[in-house]
Amino acid sequence: NQAGPHVMCINNSDKRQKALVKVNVAFGPQAKDYSQIAKKEHLEPTQIALRRIEENLKNYHSNVLYMREREERMRSTNDSIAFRVIGYCLFNVVLMIAVGGWQMFHFKQFFRSKKVI
């Protein structure tokens, strides 16, 4: 019942036969053995049910807080990207206007030198 990475090593000593391994992983309130807790603390079945419900609610609440934090990070990332895209678009508009102005100035001088204007 500890958090963190867990490592499991399974070895088949009989190389001639295939081994089928089934692993059931339980976490959160489902991983607790409430019968052991009931024996140790002398609890009634209703108290055990209330403890199980309390654990489920704590787990649900922590998941909601995690999702809220994740949503805030995603919103921050989205806002940052939107700001960059707007800045890039404005830079492109200013660049296009500057290049258009430069082209007009250049063509005007070219046609003056050729005495077309």
Foldseek 3Di string as FASTA:
>chain_A
DDDDDDDDDDDDPPPVDDDDDDDDDDDFLVPDDLVVVCVVVVDDPVVSVVVSVVRVVVVVVVVVVVVVVVVVVVVVVVVVVVVVVVVVVVVVVVVVVVVVVVVVVVVVVVCVVVVVD
